[in-house]
């Protein structure tokens, strides 16, 4: 049974980061095992089949379907350009001819004598997959892609929008409780990844997009502002495909919430370093969290020992509640009873006893996240 809480977002000073870079269809892998890669290196490419255009030639020419073949000036497999003639009637005494032009560039895929229709396949759509981060090819998956590896600092957020971006990390907020305001964002920050503190307003996010900032990382954002950004209610949809110039990664939750000290300090210590981010998020089964990857390139960084990934929530863990009415409160897990408890909704669930400031004790379903 899946847990209704996140057992811990990763905040790792150094880890072995591995990433699959896979094509949507089989194609050609352009690198080999052991190759050194930069984020912009194209590692694999393929062509997606073009869209299909169906031409009702018999209707356009006002003839019977069986007569279409006699009017065609092309055959299956022919390459055509937009505006090229597809079919033409004989007319009357060579006059008053009707004709059909091709609406797109493509290839004549099929001709149906029974329906009088001609199918034109548009030109293939080239697709390239880049490396995403600096690293080394660890494994080649034939005709599909690669697995890349590198030593990196790695941070997961709780929510994000927009897909993969990369750029230089720039510390904007002085501490984790500061709001990142619109007047702190300038044109000179184009292509950068901005590190904020507790909150980013809608105006500030719009300013970041207008300045072509690559991404913004902050503790909190207003949930209701997402509709103003996306144009629709987010619900429980998977994010990451939004066509936005600026990715947004929220590390703590909705509202004004100071970024955790561990996350803020790690980002602060990497000010000026190159990083790659991905805002893709999926809350349901097969959880996907937004991520910040900071490859380590210097020898001194490489000498550090690898960070251990955080264990699941246990007694003594510092957690942040992620459901109202206690949303945002930070406490310590004092007990994890094994027996089920009945909640106000009459449901029987596993709970955690959370001590807040050593005074109040909350008994909550395990929808909490490790801080």
Foldseek 3Di string as FASTA:
>chain_A
DDALAAQAWWFWLKDKDKDWFWDPDFFAADDDAFDWFAQAAFGTKDWAWADKDKDQQCVQQVHALLCLVVFAPDDFFDWDAFFQWGGKDCDDVNPPMGTDTHHHTFGFHDADSNRNMTMGIHDTHMDTTGPLHTFGFHAADHRIGTMTIFMWGKTWAAAKAAFKAKAAEAEQAPFQQDEDELVSDDLVQARYEYEGHFEYELNNVVSCQVSLHAEYEHAEYAQVCVCVVQVDRDPQDWHHHDPTSYMYGHHHYYDGATHDPSNNVSSVVRHGAMKMWTRTAGDDPPTDTTMIIGGDDDPVSVPDDTGDTDDGADFQFWWAACDPPRHGFIFTFHDFDPFWDQDPVRDTATWTWTQGPVPDTDTGHNHIYGD
